[in-house]
Structure formats: C-alpha cells, structure tokens
Amino acid sequence: MAGEGSGVAATSDPAAGRGAAGRSDRAEDTVDYRAVKKDVLAAADGSQYHLAEALAERVAEACLAYGSVQRVQVTVEKPGALRFAHSVAVDIDRSRG
C-alpha cells in the first residue's frame, strides 16, 4: 500500500519529552526525529499492506520502539481512494503501556 508512486501519505507526531526539551533547548532531551523518520520510511517503503489501518499501526509501532516516545498520533491518507472525495484517512493515537 505504501511506497513510491502509491499515492499514500503517512504522518506521525511522536510525543517525546517535549516539556524537558522545551525547557532545556537540548537535542538530547527529545527524540531523534531523523532516526524516527528513517524507521518509519523503512516500515512503509515497499510494504504490501492492504489496509490503511495496518500501515498506521506499523508506523505507530516504529515510533513507539523509541523509549523516549510515550505517545504517537499517526494519520495515513489515501488521496483519490473514493470517487467524489478528496481523500480517505485513518487517524490513530497510540501510547506506551
């Protein structure tokens, strides 16, 4: 379902110690967003998911694999999936524990 040319867009918002990072202004107090992006792309690229829900769950798992990420919100959007609709999207919110 995901991958180059598939027309699927996935966004994630991993919440990781933002309060501490905001107060300290130090990169080590937050999640390494570049590493998260790399793992999310690896999970999605070339995947053969049939459902947007399955891809959203996999993206959430990739984000939560980082110990500093306590919660993640994921949106998977498939533009043009339905006739007369701009897009179809799945939103999930997952947290640790």
Foldseek 3Di string as FASTA:
>chain_A
DAAPPQQKDKDKDFDFQPVVCVVPVDPVRGDPVVQLVVQLCVQGHPDDDPDLVVNQVSSQVSSVVDVRGFKMKMKMWRAPPDPPDRIDIDIDIDGDD
